[in-house]
Amino acid sequence: MPDYRRYRVPGGACFFTVNLLKKRLDILVSHIDILREAVRTIRWDRPFPIDAWVVLPDHLHCI
């Protein structure tokens, strides 16, 4: 795994992508209600902002 160096700024934004292992599945959009509930549950316990979020069939991007 690469040794990335990140410039950390208090209150700064973070961008990440999540990919499914099996690219041909559409689990993220076919079960979007479960994904939303999972995010809602985590944010209740550990609050964080979501500035932008794109959910595609086999991956998602979030800022």
Protein backbone atom coordinates (compact mmCIF):
# COMPACT_ATOMS: atom_id res chain seq x y z
CA MET A 1 0.00 0.00 0.00
CA PRO A 2 1.37 3.45 -0.84
CA ASP A 3 2.54 5.71 1.96
CA TYR A 4 0.33 8.73 1.30
CA ARG A 5 1.03 11.95 3.16
CA ARG A 6 -1.98 14.06 3.83
CA TYR A 7 -2.00 17.72 4.78
CA ARG A 8 -4.35 17.84 7.74
CA VAL A 9 -6.34 20.98 8.34
CA PRO A 10 -8.84 21.23 11.20
CA GLY A 11 -12.29 21.30 9.62
CA GLY A 12 -10.88 20.32 6.22
CA ALA A 13 -12.71 18.05 3.79
CA CYS A 14 -11.85 14.46 2.96
CA PHE A 15 -12.67 12.70 -0.31
CA PHE A 16 -13.02 8.92 -0.50
CA THR A 17 -14.27 6.23 -2.87
CA VAL A 18 -15.68 2.82 -1.97
CA ASN A 19 -15.67 0.10 -4.64
CA LEU A 20 -17.43 -3.25 -4.59
CA LEU A 21 -15.18 -6.25 -5.03
CA LYS A 22 -17.55 -7.69 -7.65
CA LYS A 23 -17.91 -4.89 -10.20
CA ARG A 24 -20.99 -6.33 -11.92
CA LEU A 25 -23.22 -6.08 -8.86
CA ASP A 26 -25.61 -3.19 -8.29
CA ILE A 27 -26.01 -3.68 -4.55
CA LEU A 28 -25.42 -0.02 -3.66
CA VAL A 29 -28.40 1.24 -5.66
CA SER A 30 -30.67 -1.78 -5.29
CA HIS A 31 -30.30 -1.58 -1.49
CA ILE A 32 -29.94 2.20 -1.15
CA ASP A 33 -32.35 2.23 1.81
CA ILE A 34 -30.02 -0.05 3.80
CA LEU A 35 -27.00 2.10 2.88
CA ARG A 36 -28.81 5.27 3.98
CA GLU A 37 -29.83 3.69 7.29
CA ALA A 38 -26.26 2.50 7.93
CA VAL A 39 -24.89 6.01 7.35
CA ARG A 40 -27.66 7.54 9.50
CA THR A 41 -26.84 5.12 12.35
CA ILE A 42 -23.11 5.88 12.25
CA ARG A 43 -23.70 9.63 12.06
CA TRP A 44 -25.95 9.44 15.11
CA ASP A 45 -23.11 7.91 17.15
CA ARG A 46 -20.21 9.83 15.55
CA PRO A 47 -21.50 13.00 13.85
CA PHE A 48 -19.76 14.16 10.66
CA PRO A 49 -20.87 16.30 7.71
CA ILE A 50 -21.40 14.97 4.20
CA ASP A 51 -20.89 17.77 1.67
CA ALA A 52 -21.42 15.67 -1.45
CA TRP A 53 -22.20 12.05 -2.10
CA VAL A 54 -22.62 10.09 -5.33
CA VAL A 55 -23.86 6.50 -5.26
CA LEU A 56 -23.41 4.42 -8.39
CA PRO A 57 -24.26 0.73 -8.88
CA ASP A 58 -20.78 -0.60 -7.99
CA HIS A 59 -19.07 2.28 -6.14
CA LEU A 60 -19.64 5.54 -4.29
CA HIS A 61 -17.77 8.84 -3.87
CA CYS A 62 -18.09 11.03 -0.81
CA ILE A 63 -16.77 14.42 0.35
